């Protein structure tokens, strides 16, 4: 539940192609908030000087490093390609490190009390137990047809690849079960924006 007079923590989740980044771009431009993208955090914690860097290099070897000494994404992907055990170990290194990094940002923002909201975007929000961290979870929904078309237009994915990705993600029923608020982003952004404005407007009253 959202509470006045404090920094509210909101988790944003939804399937691929639902438009989470578009929705959060609108929110960041219109509200006093901090937005954290888990993918950005995952990239940051792989940099030299962070614990995940040392663990990944120790596990996969220096062959994953680029000329600058930083982890090269393509080389790392190649090192774990088609190896489920290596992928599992890498995820076991990255996921806890990402969560710790995000929780530290959240705690810092709570102490500073400078923003009304901290929005955390993560594909595995529900799986990683963010319902215990966030005040509310918000689900960005879009119809399957809308998501398919977006993925074809923006990424050039085939129907077969899209179906495979959809099959590995949580279904609509599970998202709705765990989230307090649903944003329908099947159409134009203005429709989603109206839902967000009403939700936050009701909170402010």
Protein backbone atom coordinates (compact mmCIF):
# COMPACT_ATOMS: atom_id res chain seq x y z
CA UNK A 1 0.00 0.00 0.00
CA UNK A 2 1.21 3.49 -0.87
CA UNK A 3 1.77 5.84 2.06
CA UNK A 4 2.02 9.62 2.16
CA UNK A 5 5.03 11.27 3.76
CA UNK A 6 7.55 8.60 2.81
CA UNK A 7 9.41 7.26 -0.22
CA UNK A 8 7.20 4.53 -1.68
CA UNK A 9 8.90 1.54 -3.29
CA UNK A 10 7.12 0.19 -6.37
CA UNK A 11 8.15 -2.85 -8.36
CA UNK A 12 7.36 -2.79 -12.08
CA UNK A 13 7.06 -6.08 -13.91
CA UNK A 14 5.50 -7.63 -17.00
CA UNK A 15 6.29 -9.82 -19.94
CA UNK A 16 8.68 -9.01 -22.77
CA UNK A 17 7.18 -6.55 -25.23
CA UNK A 18 4.68 -5.14 -22.72
CA UNK A 19 6.39 -1.74 -22.82
CA UNK A 20 7.78 -1.46 -19.29
CA UNK A 21 10.58 0.89 -20.39
CA UNK A 22 8.13 3.16 -22.23
CA UNK A 23 5.86 3.33 -19.19
CA UNK A 24 8.79 4.07 -16.87
CA UNK A 25 10.09 6.76 -19.19
CA UNK A 26 6.72 8.51 -18.86
CA UNK A 27 6.77 8.11 -15.07
CA UNK A 28 10.34 9.40 -14.75
CA UNK A 29 9.48 12.52 -16.76
CA UNK A 30 6.31 13.32 -14.83
CA UNK A 31 6.87 12.33 -11.22
CA UNK A 32 9.38 12.92 -8.42
CA UNK A 33 11.00 9.52 -8.49
CA UNK A 34 14.05 7.34 -8.97
CA UNK A 35 13.86 4.57 -11.57
CA UNK A 36 16.10 1.50 -11.29
CA UNK A 37 16.39 -0.92 -14.21
CA UNK A 38 17.67 -4.32 -13.07
CA UNK A 39 19.35 -4.93 -16.44
CA UNK A 40 21.37 -1.73 -16.00
CA UNK A 41 22.36 -2.82 -12.50
CA UNK A 42 23.40 -6.24 -13.84
CA UNK A 43 25.69 -4.49 -16.34
CA UNK A 44 27.14 -2.18 -13.68
CA UNK A 45 27.99 -4.92 -11.19
CA UNK A 46 30.00 -6.78 -13.84
CA UNK A 47 32.42 -3.86 -14.04
CA UNK A 48 35.88 -3.94 -12.51
CA UNK A 49 35.80 -3.06 -8.84
CA UNK A 50 32.50 -4.80 -8.10
CA UNK A 51 32.35 -8.23 -6.42
CA UNK A 52 30.53 -9.89 -9.33
CA UNK A 53 33.43 -8.99 -11.65
CA UNK A 54 35.94 -10.96 -9.59
CA UNK A 55 33.60 -13.94 -9.20
CA UNK A 56 32.78 -14.12 -12.91
CA UNK A 57 36.41 -13.85 -14.01
CA UNK A 58 37.43 -16.49 -11.46
CA UNK A 59 34.71 -18.83 -12.73
CA UNK A 60 34.85 -18.25 -16.51
CA UNK A 61 38.48 -17.21 -16.89
CA UNK A 62 40.20 -14.14 -18.31
CA UNK A 63 39.07 -15.12 -21.81
CA UNK A 64 35.85 -13.18 -21.16
CA UNK A 65 37.76 -9.91 -20.81
CA UNK A 66 38.09 -7.28 -23.50
CA UNK A 67 41.22 -5.25 -24.28
CA UNK A 68 40.21 -2.73 -21.60
CA UNK A 69 40.15 -5.40 -18.89
CA UNK A 70 36.39 -5.19 -18.51
CA UNK A 71 34.06 -8.14 -19.07
CA UNK A 72 33.05 -8.35 -22.73
CA UNK A 73 29.34 -9.25 -23.01
CA UNK A 74 29.78 -11.19 -26.26
CA UNK A 75 32.75 -13.16 -24.91
CA UNK A 76 30.90 -13.98 -21.72
CA UNK A 77 27.83 -15.10 -23.68
CA UNK A 78 30.05 -17.31 -25.82
CA UNK A 79 31.66 -18.83 -22.71
CA UNK A 80 28.31 -20.00 -21.33
CA UNK A 81 26.56 -20.75 -24.64
CA UNK A 82 24.56 -24.01 -24.50
CA UNK A 83 25.95 -24.89 -21.06
CA UNK A 84 23.09 -24.99 -18.54
CA UNK A 85 25.39 -25.58 -15.57
CA UNK A 86 27.59 -22.57 -16.37
CA UNK A 87 24.50 -20.40 -16.95
CA UNK A 88 23.06 -21.48 -13.60
CA UNK A 89 26.31 -20.63 -11.81
CA UNK A 90 26.53 -17.22 -13.52
CA UNK A 91 22.92 -16.47 -12.54
CA UNK A 92 23.68 -17.54 -8.97
CA UNK A 93 26.49 -14.96 -8.96
CA UNK A 94 24.54 -12.15 -10.64
CA UNK A 95 21.03 -12.36 -9.15
CA UNK A 96 22.02 -12.00 -5.46
CA UNK A 97 24.49 -9.23 -6.36
CA UNK A 98 21.81 -7.35 -8.33
CA UNK A 99 19.32 -7.69 -5.48
CA UNK A 100 21.86 -6.47 -2.90
CA UNK A 101 22.79 -3.48 -5.07
CA UNK A 102 19.13 -2.52 -5.58
CA UNK A 103 18.27 -2.95 -1.90
CA UNK A 104 21.17 -0.65 -0.97
CA UNK A 105 19.81 2.04 -3.34
CA UNK A 106 16.31 1.62 -1.86
CA UNK A 107 17.57 1.95 1.71
CA UNK A 108 19.57 5.05 0.78
CA UNK A 109 16.52 6.65 -0.86
CA UNK A 110 14.36 5.86 2.16
CA UNK A 111 16.85 7.62 4.42
CA UNK A 112 17.17 10.69 2.19
CA UNK A 113 13.39 11.09 1.70
CA UNK A 114 13.98 13.24 -1.39
CA UNK A 115 11.65 11.37 -3.75
CA UNK A 116 8.03 10.27 -3.60
CA UNK A 117 8.78 6.97 -5.31
CA UNK A 118 11.49 4.48 -6.18
CA UNK A 119 10.46 2.34 -9.14
CA UNK A 120 12.32 -0.94 -9.64
CA UNK A 121 11.95 -2.69 -13.00
CA UNK A 122 12.85 -6.36 -13.13
CA UNK A 123 11.65 -9.26 -15.25
CA UNK A 124 12.04 -11.62 -12.27
CA UNK A 125 10.47 -9.29 -9.71
CA UNK A 126 7.98 -11.86 -8.47
CA UNK A 127 10.39 -14.79 -8.59
CA UNK A 128 13.00 -12.84 -6.60
CA UNK A 129 10.56 -11.96 -3.81
CA UNK A 130 10.29 -8.21 -4.37
CA UNK A 131 6.81 -8.32 -2.85
CA UNK A 132 8.68 -8.40 0.48
CA UNK A 133 10.72 -5.32 -0.45
CA UNK A 134 8.26 -3.14 -2.35
CA UNK A 135 5.17 -1.37 -1.03
CA UNK A 136 3.33 -2.39 -4.19
CA UNK A 137 3.98 -4.39 -7.35
CA UNK A 138 2.63 -2.97 -10.63
CA UNK A 139 2.06 -5.14 -13.68
CA UNK A 140 2.46 -3.63 -17.13
CA UNK A 141 0.10 -5.67 -19.29
CA UNK A 142 -0.23 -5.74 -23.06
CA UNK A 143 -2.19 -8.16 -25.21
CA UNK A 144 -0.24 -10.99 -26.81
CA UNK A 145 -0.90 -9.55 -30.28
CA UNK A 146 0.46 -6.14 -29.26
CA UNK A 147 3.55 -7.70 -27.68
CA UNK A 148 4.23 -9.87 -30.71
CA UNK A 149 4.00 -6.93 -33.09
CA UNK A 150 6.30 -4.79 -30.95
CA UNK A 151 8.93 -7.53 -30.79
CA UNK A 152 8.77 -8.02 -34.56
CA UNK A 153 9.02 -4.28 -35.22
CA UNK A 154 11.68 -3.38 -32.65
CA UNK A 155 13.84 -6.52 -32.55
CA UNK A 156 12.98 -8.41 -35.72
CA UNK A 157 12.04 -11.54 -33.79
CA UNK A 158 10.29 -14.42 -35.57
CA UNK A 159 6.97 -15.83 -34.33
CA UNK A 160 8.78 -19.01 -33.31
CA UNK A 161 11.31 -17.13 -31.18
CA UNK A 162 8.59 -15.00 -29.59
CA UNK A 163 6.51 -18.08 -28.73
CA UNK A 164 9.57 -19.68 -27.14
CA UNK A 165 10.26 -16.58 -25.01
CA UNK A 166 6.61 -16.25 -23.96
CA UNK A 167 6.62 -19.89 -22.86
CA UNK A 168 9.49 -19.25 -20.44
CA UNK A 169 7.88 -16.25 -18.73
CA UNK A 170 5.14 -16.03 -16.13
CA UNK A 171 1.60 -16.08 -17.49
CA UNK A 172 -0.92 -13.26 -17.22
CA UNK A 173 -2.81 -14.92 -14.36
CA UNK A 174 0.33 -15.18 -12.21
CA UNK A 175 1.30 -11.55 -12.82
CA UNK A 176 -2.20 -10.38 -11.85
CA UNK A 177 -2.24 -12.58 -8.75
CA UNK A 178 0.92 -10.99 -7.34
CA UNK A 179 0.47 -7.35 -8.39
CA UNK A 180 -1.71 -4.69 -6.74
CA UNK A 181 -2.10 -2.52 -9.85
CA UNK A 182 -2.39 -3.39 -13.54
CA UNK A 183 -1.48 -0.90 -16.29
CA UNK A 184 -3.00 -1.85 -19.65
CA UNK A 185 -0.40 -0.80 -22.20
CA UNK A 186 -1.90 -2.63 -25.19
CA UNK A 187 -2.57 0.59 -27.08
CA UNK A 188 -1.27 4.14 -27.23
CA UNK A 189 0.92 5.36 -24.35
CA UNK A 190 -1.62 8.08 -23.55
CA UNK A 191 -4.04 5.38 -22.37
CA UNK A 192 -1.46 3.89 -20.01
CA UNK A 193 -0.48 7.37 -18.84
CA UNK A 194 -4.09 8.10 -17.91
CA UNK A 195 -4.22 5.00 -15.72
CA UNK A 196 -0.96 5.95 -13.99
CA UNK A 197 -2.07 9.55 -13.43
CA UNK A 198 -5.34 8.38 -11.87
CA UNK A 199 -3.56 5.89 -9.61
CA UNK A 200 -1.05 8.44 -8.32
CA UNK A 201 -3.68 11.18 -8.24
CA UNK A 202 -5.90 9.04 -5.99
CA UNK A 203 -2.89 8.43 -3.72
CA UNK A 204 -2.22 12.15 -3.43
CA UNK A 205 -5.80 13.06 -2.44
